[in-house]
Structure formats: structure tokens, C-alpha cells
Amino acid sequence: MEKVIVIAGPTASGKTSLSIELAKKIDGEIVSADSMQIYKDMDIGTAKVTKEEMQGIKHYLIDFIEPTKRYTVSDFKRDSISAIKEILSEGKTPIVVGGTGLYVNSLIYGIDYYDMKFDLEFRNKLMEQAESEEGLKELYDKACKIDSKAMEKISPNDKKRICRIIEIYKATRKN
């Protein structure tokens, strides 16, 4: 069985430098598992590795999607598996590096996140309702009824995540 190394953790925890040093020692190449570093021209605030920092180590899934394009965890899983296969075919060791837990989990645990189609009109209505304090509280309460465990980690002011829970529930009828 081929080996794939995974280095995961929060931003600024030293993953990049560790992965590059390791890649140099074991003849590895790096697959980024960061949901923001995939986007072209989004360098500020993403802690994106620079060409100099790469030290000649090949990196995959960095700077390859336009910021206007939708890119899902399903897309990431497909692209990262392809990158891993390419690295292995070259006789090198893949090193998956990143802080986006959803991305890492999709690989480690083989989770399939189906590319759901969402009702944009419904999404816009939710976001519009979330603009008022009263509307946001109502949505928060609704989301708590749908998935109380997930809501333990979500702030009552986090409009995007509150709306997302309701939106996913509407699309799947699962909580």
C-alpha cells in the first residue's frame, strides 16, 4: 500500500515549513488542503506559500482557480486524489498539507460530499432575513432545531453559517 503523509493544523502553526523540509528529506511533493490557497490572486490573508518558500518542491492545488468560480469539497477530493496519483506515479511521496478540516477529512475518512444544487432564490431570502437582528435570531432558532449539535459551535451572529445549515436542510431534508 502506498503511503500518503498528512500534516494538518491551524494557520501559522508551521505546517508549510515542516512539509517542505520533510519533502526534501523523503523526495515528496505537496498537495495543499487549504480552501483559500486554491484561488488565484488571493495572497493576502491566506498565508499562501511563496515560490521562494517552496524551495523547489512541487506544490499542487495552489493558485489554480479563479476567485469567481465555485469550488466544492467534492472538487477538492477529486483534484487531490488525482494529484496524489500523479505524485505516486513519479515514485514520490505525497504530503497533504492544510488547515481546512473538511478537505482533510474528505481524504482521510473517504467522505463523499455530494455536489448539491442549491436554490439561490431561497439563499437570498435567508440572507435578506438575516440582515435584521430579529430575523437573524429567528433563523438561529430554526437552525438550532435542525442541528443543535452543530449550532453549539456557531455564533448567533454568524449569518453565513446559520443560513447554510437551513439551506442544506432544505436541499437534503437531513440534519
N, C-alpha and C. Protein backbone atom coordinates (compact mmCIF):
# COMPACT_ATOMS: atom_id res chain seq x y z
N MET A 1 0.84 -1.18 0.00
CA MET A 1 0.00 0.00 0.00
C MET A 1 0.88 1.25 0.00
N GLU A 2 0.53 2.18 -0.83
CA GLU A 2 1.29 3.43 -0.93
C GLU A 2 1.03 4.30 0.30
N LYS A 3 2.02 5.06 0.69
CA LYS A 3 1.88 5.93 1.85
C LYS A 3 1.62 7.36 1.42
N VAL A 4 0.71 8.00 2.14
CA VAL A 4 0.42 9.42 1.98
C VAL A 4 0.54 10.04 3.37
N ILE A 5 1.33 11.08 3.47
CA ILE A 5 1.52 11.76 4.75
C ILE A 5 0.58 12.95 4.81
N VAL A 6 -0.03 13.17 5.97
CA VAL A 6 -0.94 14.30 6.16
C VAL A 6 -0.42 15.15 7.30
N ILE A 7 -0.28 16.44 7.03
CA ILE A 7 0.11 17.41 8.07
C ILE A 7 -1.03 18.42 8.14
N ALA A 8 -1.73 18.42 9.26
CA ALA A 8 -2.89 19.31 9.41
C ALA A 8 -2.76 20.13 10.68
N GLY A 9 -3.41 21.29 10.67
CA GLY A 9 -3.38 22.15 11.84
C GLY A 9 -3.79 23.56 11.46
N PRO A 10 -3.87 24.43 12.46
CA PRO A 10 -4.33 25.80 12.20
C PRO A 10 -3.29 26.64 11.45
N THR A 11 -3.76 27.74 10.91
CA THR A 11 -2.90 28.70 10.23
C THR A 11 -1.78 29.14 11.17
N ALA A 12 -0.60 29.30 10.61
CA ALA A 12 0.59 29.79 11.33
C ALA A 12 1.10 28.81 12.38
N SER A 13 0.84 27.51 12.18
CA SER A 13 1.34 26.52 13.13
C SER A 13 2.62 25.84 12.65
N GLY A 14 3.13 26.27 11.49
CA GLY A 14 4.40 25.74 10.99
C GLY A 14 4.26 24.58 10.01
N LYS A 15 3.05 24.34 9.52
CA LYS A 15 2.81 23.23 8.58
C LYS A 15 3.64 23.37 7.31
N THR A 16 3.68 24.57 6.75
CA THR A 16 4.37 24.78 5.47
C THR A 16 5.86 24.46 5.58
N SER A 17 6.54 25.04 6.54
CA SER A 17 7.98 24.80 6.66
C SER A 17 8.27 23.34 7.00
N LEU A 18 7.45 22.73 7.84
CA LEU A 18 7.64 21.32 8.17
C LEU A 18 7.47 20.45 6.92
N SER A 19 6.42 20.74 6.14
CA SER A 19 6.15 19.92 4.96
C SER A 19 7.26 20.06 3.92
N ILE A 20 7.81 21.23 3.75
CA ILE A 20 8.88 21.45 2.78
C ILE A 20 10.15 20.73 3.21
N GLU A 21 10.50 20.84 4.48
CA GLU A 21 11.69 20.13 4.99
C GLU A 21 11.51 18.62 4.85
N LEU A 22 10.33 18.12 5.18
CA LEU A 22 10.05 16.70 5.05
C LEU A 22 10.12 16.26 3.58
N ALA A 23 9.51 17.04 2.70
CA ALA A 23 9.52 16.71 1.26
C ALA A 23 10.95 16.61 0.74
N LYS A 24 11.84 17.51 1.20
CA LYS A 24 13.23 17.47 0.76
C LYS A 24 13.92 16.19 1.23
N LYS A 25 13.59 15.75 2.44
CA LYS A 25 14.24 14.57 3.01
C LYS A 25 13.73 13.25 2.42
N ILE A 26 12.44 13.20 2.05
CA ILE A 26 11.87 11.92 1.61
C ILE A 26 11.47 11.91 0.14
N ASP A 27 11.89 12.91 -0.61
CA ASP A 27 11.54 13.01 -2.02
C ASP A 27 10.01 13.07 -2.18
N GLY A 28 9.43 14.05 -1.51
CA GLY A 28 7.98 14.21 -1.56
C GLY A 28 7.54 15.43 -2.34
N GLU A 29 6.25 15.47 -2.61
CA GLU A 29 5.61 16.63 -3.21
C GLU A 29 4.36 16.93 -2.40
N ILE A 30 3.94 18.19 -2.43
CA ILE A 30 2.91 18.67 -1.51
C ILE A 30 1.60 18.94 -2.22
N VAL A 31 0.52 18.46 -1.58
CA VAL A 31 -0.84 18.73 -2.04
C VAL A 31 -1.48 19.62 -0.98
N SER A 32 -1.83 20.84 -1.37
CA SER A 32 -2.43 21.78 -0.43
C SER A 32 -3.88 21.38 -0.15
N ALA A 33 -4.24 21.40 1.12
CA ALA A 33 -5.62 21.13 1.55
C ALA A 33 -6.16 22.38 2.24
N ASP A 34 -5.99 23.51 1.57
CA ASP A 34 -6.44 24.79 2.12
C ASP A 34 -7.49 25.38 1.19
N SER A 35 -8.63 25.70 1.73
CA SER A 35 -9.76 26.15 0.91
C SER A 35 -9.60 27.55 0.34
N MET A 36 -8.62 28.31 0.79
CA MET A 36 -8.40 29.66 0.26
C MET A 36 -7.19 29.72 -0.67
N GLN A 37 -6.20 28.89 -0.44
CA GLN A 37 -5.00 28.94 -1.25
C GLN A 37 -5.21 28.42 -2.67
N ILE A 38 -6.34 27.79 -2.92
CA ILE A 38 -6.66 27.32 -4.27
C ILE A 38 -6.89 28.47 -5.23
N TYR A 39 -7.29 29.63 -4.69
CA TYR A 39 -7.69 30.75 -5.54
C TYR A 39 -6.51 31.59 -6.01
N LYS A 40 -6.53 31.92 -7.29
CA LYS A 40 -5.52 32.81 -7.87
C LYS A 40 -5.69 34.21 -7.28
N ASP A 41 -4.59 34.90 -7.14
CA ASP A 41 -4.55 36.31 -6.73
C ASP A 41 -5.10 36.59 -5.34
N MET A 42 -5.31 35.56 -4.54
CA MET A 42 -5.77 35.78 -3.16
C MET A 42 -4.62 35.44 -2.22
N ASP A 43 -3.64 36.30 -2.20
CA ASP A 43 -2.43 36.04 -1.41
C ASP A 43 -2.50 36.62 -0.01
N ILE A 44 -3.16 37.75 0.12
CA ILE A 44 -3.24 38.42 1.42
C ILE A 44 -4.27 37.70 2.28
N GLY A 45 -3.86 37.36 3.50
CA GLY A 45 -4.78 36.73 4.44
C GLY A 45 -4.90 35.22 4.28
N THR A 46 -4.19 34.63 3.33
CA THR A 46 -4.30 33.19 3.13
C THR A 46 -3.04 32.44 3.57
N ALA A 47 -2.00 33.15 3.91
CA ALA A 47 -0.71 32.55 4.28
C ALA A 47 -0.23 31.61 3.18
N LYS A 48 -0.48 32.00 1.94
CA LYS A 48 -0.11 31.17 0.78
C LYS A 48 1.40 31.08 0.67
N VAL A 49 1.87 29.88 0.42
CA VAL A 49 3.30 29.65 0.28
C VAL A 49 3.82 30.38 -0.96
N THR A 50 4.97 31.01 -0.81
CA THR A 50 5.57 31.73 -1.95
C THR A 50 6.50 30.79 -2.71
N LYS A 51 6.86 31.20 -3.93
CA LYS A 51 7.79 30.40 -4.74
C LYS A 51 9.11 30.18 -3.99
N GLU A 52 9.58 31.23 -3.31
CA GLU A 52 10.83 31.12 -2.55
C GLU A 52 10.69 30.10 -1.42
N GLU A 53 9.56 30.16 -0.71
CA GLU A 53 9.34 29.24 0.41
C GLU A 53 9.24 27.79 -0.06
N MET A 54 8.77 27.58 -1.28
CA MET A 54 8.63 26.22 -1.82
C MET A 54 9.96 25.51 -1.97
N GLN A 55 11.04 26.27 -2.11
CA GLN A 55 12.39 25.72 -2.22
C GLN A 55 12.49 24.61 -3.27
N GLY A 56 11.79 24.80 -4.38
CA GLY A 56 11.86 23.83 -5.47
C GLY A 56 10.96 22.62 -5.31
N ILE A 57 10.24 22.54 -4.22
CA ILE A 57 9.32 21.41 -4.01
C ILE A 57 8.02 21.69 -4.75
N LYS A 58 7.59 20.73 -5.56
CA LYS A 58 6.36 20.91 -6.33
C LYS A 58 5.14 20.90 -5.40
N HIS A 59 4.25 21.88 -5.63
CA HIS A 59 3.01 22.01 -4.87
C HIS A 59 1.82 21.88 -5.81
N TYR A 60 0.80 21.21 -5.36
CA TYR A 60 -0.43 21.04 -6.12
C TYR A 60 -1.58 21.77 -5.42
N LEU A 61 -2.57 22.16 -6.20
CA LEU A 61 -3.81 22.78 -5.72
C LEU A 61 -3.59 24.13 -5.04
N ILE A 62 -2.66 24.90 -5.60
CA ILE A 62 -2.43 26.27 -5.14
C ILE A 62 -2.53 27.17 -6.36
N ASP A 63 -3.27 28.28 -6.21
CA ASP A 63 -3.35 29.28 -7.28
C ASP A 63 -3.87 28.73 -8.61
N PHE A 64 -4.92 27.91 -8.59
CA PHE A 64 -5.36 27.34 -9.85
C PHE A 64 -6.85 27.56 -10.16
N ILE A 65 -7.57 28.24 -9.29
CA ILE A 65 -8.99 28.51 -9.53
C ILE A 65 -9.22 30.03 -9.49
N GLU A 66 -10.02 30.53 -10.41
CA GLU A 66 -10.38 31.95 -10.39
C GLU A 66 -11.29 32.20 -9.18
N PRO A 67 -11.11 33.33 -8.50
CA PRO A 67 -11.93 33.63 -7.31
C PRO A 67 -13.43 33.70 -7.60
N THR A 68 -13.80 33.88 -8.83
CA THR A 68 -15.22 33.96 -9.19
C THR A 68 -15.85 32.57 -9.39
N LYS A 69 -15.04 31.53 -9.40
CA LYS A 69 -15.53 30.17 -9.63
C LYS A 69 -15.89 29.49 -8.31
N ARG A 70 -16.90 28.65 -8.38
CA ARG A 70 -17.32 27.86 -7.22
C ARG A 70 -16.43 26.63 -7.17
N TYR A 71 -15.92 26.30 -6.01
CA TYR A 71 -15.06 25.14 -5.83
C TYR A 71 -15.50 24.44 -4.55
N THR A 72 -15.96 23.20 -4.67
CA THR A 72 -16.53 22.49 -3.54
C THR A 72 -15.56 21.47 -2.95
N VAL A 73 -15.93 20.92 -1.83
CA VAL A 73 -15.13 19.86 -1.22
C VAL A 73 -15.09 18.64 -2.14
N SER A 74 -16.14 18.41 -2.89
CA SER A 74 -16.14 17.32 -3.88
C SER A 74 -15.10 17.58 -4.96
N ASP A 75 -14.99 18.83 -5.40
CA ASP A 75 -13.97 19.20 -6.38
C ASP A 75 -12.58 18.97 -5.80
N PHE A 76 -12.41 19.39 -4.54
CA PHE A 76 -11.11 19.21 -3.89
C PHE A 76 -10.74 17.73 -3.81
N LYS A 77 -11.68 16.91 -3.38
CA LYS A 77 -11.38 15.49 -3.22
C LYS A 77 -10.96 14.89 -4.56
N ARG A 78 -11.69 15.18 -5.61
CA ARG A 78 -11.36 14.68 -6.95
C ARG A 78 -9.97 15.15 -7.36
N ASP A 79 -9.70 16.47 -7.22
CA ASP A 79 -8.41 17.03 -7.65
C ASP A 79 -7.25 16.54 -6.80
N SER A 80 -7.47 16.38 -5.50
CA SER A 80 -6.37 15.94 -4.64
C SER A 80 -6.04 14.47 -4.89
N ILE A 81 -7.06 13.65 -5.12
CA ILE A 81 -6.80 12.24 -5.44
C ILE A 81 -6.01 12.14 -6.74
N SER A 82 -6.36 12.96 -7.71
CA SER A 82 -5.63 12.99 -8.98
C SER A 82 -4.18 13.40 -8.75
N ALA A 83 -3.96 14.42 -7.94
CA ALA A 83 -2.60 14.88 -7.64
C ALA A 83 -1.81 13.80 -6.91
N ILE A 84 -2.44 13.15 -5.95
CA ILE A 84 -1.77 12.08 -5.20
C ILE A 84 -1.36 10.95 -6.14
N LYS A 85 -2.25 10.56 -7.05
CA LYS A 85 -1.92 9.50 -8.02
C LYS A 85 -0.75 9.92 -8.90
N GLU A 86 -0.74 11.18 -9.32
CA GLU A 86 0.36 11.67 -10.15
C GLU A 86 1.69 11.62 -9.39
N ILE A 87 1.67 12.05 -8.14
CA ILE A 87 2.89 12.04 -7.32
C ILE A 87 3.39 10.60 -7.14
N LEU A 88 2.47 9.70 -6.82
CA LEU A 88 2.86 8.30 -6.63
C LEU A 88 3.41 7.70 -7.92
N SER A 89 2.83 8.07 -9.07
CA SER A 89 3.30 7.53 -10.36
C SER A 89 4.72 7.98 -10.67
N GLU A 90 5.15 9.09 -10.06
CA GLU A 90 6.51 9.59 -10.24
C GLU A 90 7.48 8.97 -9.22
N GLY A 91 6.94 8.07 -8.37
CA GLY A 91 7.78 7.43 -7.36
C GLY A 91 8.08 8.31 -6.16
N LYS A 92 7.28 9.34 -5.98
CA LYS A 92 7.50 10.26 -4.87
C LYS A 92 6.42 10.04 -3.81
N THR A 93 6.61 10.68 -2.66
CA THR A 93 5.67 10.56 -1.55
C THR A 93 4.77 11.80 -1.48
N PRO A 94 3.46 11.60 -1.54
CA PRO A 94 2.54 12.74 -1.40
C PRO A 94 2.45 13.19 0.06
N ILE A 95 2.47 14.51 0.24
CA ILE A 95 2.31 15.09 1.57
C ILE A 95 1.13 16.07 1.47
N VAL A 96 0.03 15.71 2.10
CA VAL A 96 -1.16 16.56 2.10
C VAL A 96 -1.02 17.52 3.26
N VAL A 97 -1.12 18.83 2.97
CA VAL A 97 -0.87 19.84 3.99
C VAL A 97 -1.99 20.87 4.00
N GLY A 98 -2.55 21.10 5.18
CA GLY A 98 -3.56 22.15 5.23
C GLY A 98 -4.31 22.25 6.53
N GLY A 99 -5.10 23.30 6.57
CA GLY A 99 -5.88 23.56 7.77
C GLY A 99 -7.37 23.53 7.55
N THR A 100 -7.82 23.14 6.35
CA THR A 100 -9.26 23.07 6.12
C THR A 100 -9.71 21.66 6.45
N GLY A 101 -10.25 21.51 7.64
CA GLY A 101 -10.64 20.20 8.17
C GLY A 101 -11.56 19.42 7.26
N LEU A 102 -12.51 20.09 6.65
CA LEU A 102 -13.44 19.42 5.76
C LEU A 102 -12.70 18.78 4.59
N TYR A 103 -11.73 19.48 4.05
CA TYR A 103 -10.92 18.95 2.95
C TYR A 103 -10.12 17.73 3.41
N VAL A 104 -9.41 17.89 4.52
CA VAL A 104 -8.58 16.80 5.03
C VAL A 104 -9.44 15.59 5.37
N ASN A 105 -10.56 15.80 6.04
CA ASN A 105 -11.44 14.69 6.42
C ASN A 105 -11.99 13.96 5.21
N SER A 106 -12.29 14.69 4.13
CA SER A 106 -12.82 14.04 2.93
C SER A 106 -11.82 13.02 2.38
N LEU A 107 -10.53 13.30 2.56
CA LEU A 107 -9.49 12.37 2.10
C LEU A 107 -9.22 11.25 3.10
N ILE A 108 -8.99 11.62 4.35
CA ILE A 108 -8.60 10.64 5.37
C ILE A 108 -9.70 9.61 5.59
N TYR A 109 -10.93 10.09 5.70
CA TYR A 109 -12.03 9.20 6.04
C TYR A 109 -12.87 8.79 4.84
N GLY A 110 -12.46 9.18 3.64
CA GLY A 110 -13.18 8.78 2.44
C GLY A 110 -14.60 9.30 2.37
N ILE A 111 -14.84 10.45 2.95
CA ILE A 111 -16.19 11.01 2.98
C ILE A 111 -16.50 11.62 1.62
N ASP A 112 -17.68 11.32 1.13
CA ASP A 112 -18.15 11.91 -0.11
C ASP A 112 -19.15 13.00 0.20
N TYR A 113 -18.84 14.20 -0.21
CA TYR A 113 -19.76 15.32 -0.07
C TYR A 113 -20.32 15.57 -1.46
N TYR A 114 -21.54 15.18 -1.64
CA TYR A 114 -22.13 15.32 -2.95
C TYR A 114 -22.33 16.78 -3.30
N ASP A 115 -22.11 17.07 -4.53
CA ASP A 115 -22.24 18.43 -5.02
C ASP A 115 -23.72 18.77 -5.16
N MET A 116 -24.29 19.27 -4.07
CA MET A 116 -25.71 19.59 -4.04
C MET A 116 -26.00 20.85 -4.83
N LYS A 117 -27.13 20.86 -5.44
CA LYS A 117 -27.61 22.06 -6.12
C LYS A 117 -28.48 22.83 -5.14
N PHE A 118 -28.21 24.09 -4.98
CA PHE A 118 -28.95 24.89 -4.03
C PHE A 118 -29.84 25.89 -4.73
N ASP A 119 -30.89 26.25 -4.05
CA ASP A 119 -31.88 27.20 -4.52
C ASP A 119 -31.36 28.60 -4.19
N LEU A 120 -30.83 29.29 -5.19
CA LEU A 120 -30.24 30.61 -4.95
C LEU A 120 -31.27 31.63 -4.49
N GLU A 121 -32.48 31.49 -4.95
CA GLU A 121 -33.55 32.40 -4.52
C GLU A 121 -33.81 32.21 -3.02
N PHE A 122 -33.84 30.96 -2.57
CA PHE A 122 -34.03 30.66 -1.16
C PHE A 122 -32.85 31.21 -0.34
N ARG A 123 -31.63 31.00 -0.86
CA ARG A 123 -30.44 31.51 -0.17
C ARG A 123 -30.52 33.03 0.00
N ASN A 124 -30.90 33.73 -1.06
CA ASN A 124 -31.00 35.19 -0.99
C ASN A 124 -32.06 35.64 0.01
N LYS A 125 -33.17 34.91 0.07
CA LYS A 125 -34.23 35.24 1.05
C LYS A 125 -33.72 35.05 2.47
N LEU A 126 -32.98 33.97 2.70
CA LEU A 126 -32.42 33.75 4.04
C LEU A 126 -31.46 34.87 4.42
N MET A 127 -30.57 35.22 3.49
CA MET A 127 -29.59 36.27 3.78
C MET A 127 -30.28 37.62 4.01
N GLU A 128 -31.33 37.86 3.28
CA GLU A 128 -32.10 39.09 3.45
C GLU A 128 -32.74 39.12 4.84
N GLN A 129 -33.32 37.99 5.23
CA GLN A 129 -33.94 37.90 6.56
C GLN A 129 -32.88 38.06 7.65
N ALA A 130 -31.70 37.53 7.43
CA ALA A 130 -30.63 37.59 8.43
C ALA A 130 -30.09 39.00 8.65
N GLU A 131 -30.42 39.92 7.76
CA GLU A 131 -29.93 41.29 7.90
C GLU A 131 -30.51 42.02 9.11
N SER A 132 -31.72 41.65 9.54
CA SER A 132 -32.28 42.28 10.73
C SER A 132 -31.97 41.41 11.95
N GLU A 133 -31.81 42.05 13.09
CA GLU A 133 -31.49 41.33 14.32
C GLU A 133 -32.57 40.32 14.65
N GLU A 134 -33.81 40.72 14.51
CA GLU A 134 -34.94 39.84 14.80
C GLU A 134 -34.98 38.65 13.83
N GLY A 135 -34.75 38.93 12.56
CA GLY A 135 -34.73 37.88 11.55
C GLY A 135 -33.60 36.89 11.77
N LEU A 136 -32.43 37.38 12.15
CA LEU A 136 -31.29 36.52 12.41
C LEU A 136 -31.57 35.61 13.60
N LYS A 137 -32.17 36.16 14.64
CA LYS A 137 -32.50 35.34 15.82
C LYS A 137 -33.48 34.24 15.44
N GLU A 138 -34.45 34.57 14.61
CA GLU A 138 -35.43 33.57 14.16
C GLU A 138 -34.74 32.46 13.37
N LEU A 139 -33.83 32.83 12.49
CA LEU A 139 -33.08 31.84 11.72
C LEU A 139 -32.18 31.00 12.61
N TYR A 140 -31.57 31.63 13.60
CA TYR A 140 -30.70 30.92 14.53
C TYR A 140 -31.50 29.86 15.28
N ASP A 141 -32.68 30.24 15.76
CA ASP A 141 -33.54 29.30 16.48
C ASP A 141 -33.95 28.13 15.58
N LYS A 142 -34.26 28.44 14.34
CA LYS A 142 -34.65 27.41 13.37
C LYS A 142 -33.48 26.45 13.14
N ALA A 143 -32.29 27.01 12.97
CA ALA A 143 -31.10 26.18 12.75
C ALA A 143 -30.81 25.30 13.97
N CYS A 144 -31.05 25.81 15.16
CA CYS A 144 -30.86 25.03 16.39
C CYS A 144 -31.79 23.82 16.41
N LYS A 145 -32.99 23.99 15.92
CA LYS A 145 -33.94 22.87 15.86
C LYS A 145 -33.50 21.84 14.83
N ILE A 146 -32.89 22.30 13.76
CA ILE A 146 -32.43 21.40 12.70
C ILE A 146 -31.21 20.60 13.15
N ASP A 147 -30.21 21.28 13.73
CA ASP A 147 -28.96 20.61 14.12
C ASP A 147 -28.37 21.29 15.36
N SER A 148 -28.88 20.92 16.51
CA SER A 148 -28.47 21.56 17.77
C SER A 148 -26.98 21.33 18.06
N LYS A 149 -26.45 20.17 17.70
CA LYS A 149 -25.04 19.88 17.96
C LYS A 149 -24.13 20.81 17.15
N ALA A 150 -24.41 20.96 15.87
CA ALA A 150 -23.61 21.86 15.03
C ALA A 150 -23.71 23.29 15.51
N MET A 151 -24.89 23.66 15.96
CA MET A 151 -25.11 25.04 16.38
C MET A 151 -24.38 25.40 17.67
N GLU A 152 -23.93 24.40 18.42
CA GLU A 152 -23.14 24.67 19.63
C GLU A 152 -21.85 25.41 19.28
N LYS A 153 -21.36 25.22 18.05
CA LYS A 153 -20.09 25.80 17.62
C LYS A 153 -20.28 27.05 16.78
N ILE A 154 -21.52 27.45 16.55
CA ILE A 154 -21.80 28.57 15.65
C ILE A 154 -22.36 29.75 16.45
N SER A 155 -21.75 30.89 16.26
CA SER A 155 -22.18 32.11 16.94
C SER A 155 -23.58 32.52 16.48
N PRO A 156 -24.39 33.05 17.38
CA PRO A 156 -25.72 33.55 16.99
C PRO A 156 -25.64 34.71 15.98
N ASN A 157 -24.45 35.25 15.76
CA ASN A 157 -24.26 36.35 14.81
C ASN A 157 -23.67 35.91 13.47
N ASP A 158 -23.39 34.61 13.32
CA ASP A 158 -22.75 34.10 12.12
C ASP A 158 -23.80 33.83 11.03
N LYS A 159 -24.16 34.89 10.32
CA LYS A 159 -25.24 34.82 9.32
C LYS A 159 -24.99 33.72 8.29
N LYS A 160 -23.79 33.67 7.78
CA LYS A 160 -23.49 32.74 6.69
C LYS A 160 -23.69 31.29 7.12
N ARG A 161 -23.15 30.93 8.27
CA ARG A 161 -23.25 29.53 8.71
C ARG A 161 -24.66 29.16 9.15
N ILE A 162 -25.35 30.09 9.77
CA ILE A 162 -26.74 29.85 10.17
C ILE A 162 -27.58 29.58 8.93
N CYS A 163 -27.45 30.43 7.95
CA CYS A 163 -28.21 30.26 6.71
C CYS A 163 -27.81 28.98 5.99
N ARG A 164 -26.55 28.63 6.06
CA ARG A 164 -26.07 27.43 5.37
C ARG A 164 -26.71 26.17 5.95
N ILE A 165 -26.85 26.10 7.27
CA ILE A 165 -27.48 24.93 7.89
C ILE A 165 -28.92 24.79 7.40
N ILE A 166 -29.63 25.89 7.36
CA ILE A 166 -31.02 25.86 6.90
C ILE A 166 -31.08 25.48 5.42
N GLU A 167 -30.18 26.02 4.66
CA GLU A 167 -30.12 25.74 3.23
C GLU A 167 -29.81 24.26 2.94
N ILE A 168 -28.86 23.70 3.66
CA ILE A 168 -28.53 22.28 3.49
C ILE A 168 -29.70 21.41 3.90
N TYR A 169 -30.36 21.77 4.99
CA TYR A 169 -31.53 21.02 5.42
C TYR A 169 -32.62 21.02 4.35
N LYS A 170 -32.85 22.18 3.77
CA LYS A 170 -33.87 22.29 2.71
C LYS A 170 -33.49 21.42 1.51
N ALA A 171 -32.20 21.40 1.17
CA ALA A 171 -31.75 20.65 0.00
C ALA A 171 -31.75 19.14 0.22
N THR A 172 -31.50 18.70 1.48
CA THR A 172 -31.35 17.27 1.74
C THR A 172 -32.42 16.67 2.63
N ARG A 173 -33.09 17.54 3.39
CA ARG A 173 -34.06 17.10 4.41
C ARG A 173 -33.41 16.22 5.46
N LYS A 174 -32.09 16.39 5.62
CA LYS A 174 -31.34 15.64 6.63
C LYS A 174 -30.73 16.62 7.59
N ASN A 175 -30.67 16.23 8.86
CA ASN A 175 -29.95 17.04 9.85
C ASN A 175 -29.00 16.17 10.61
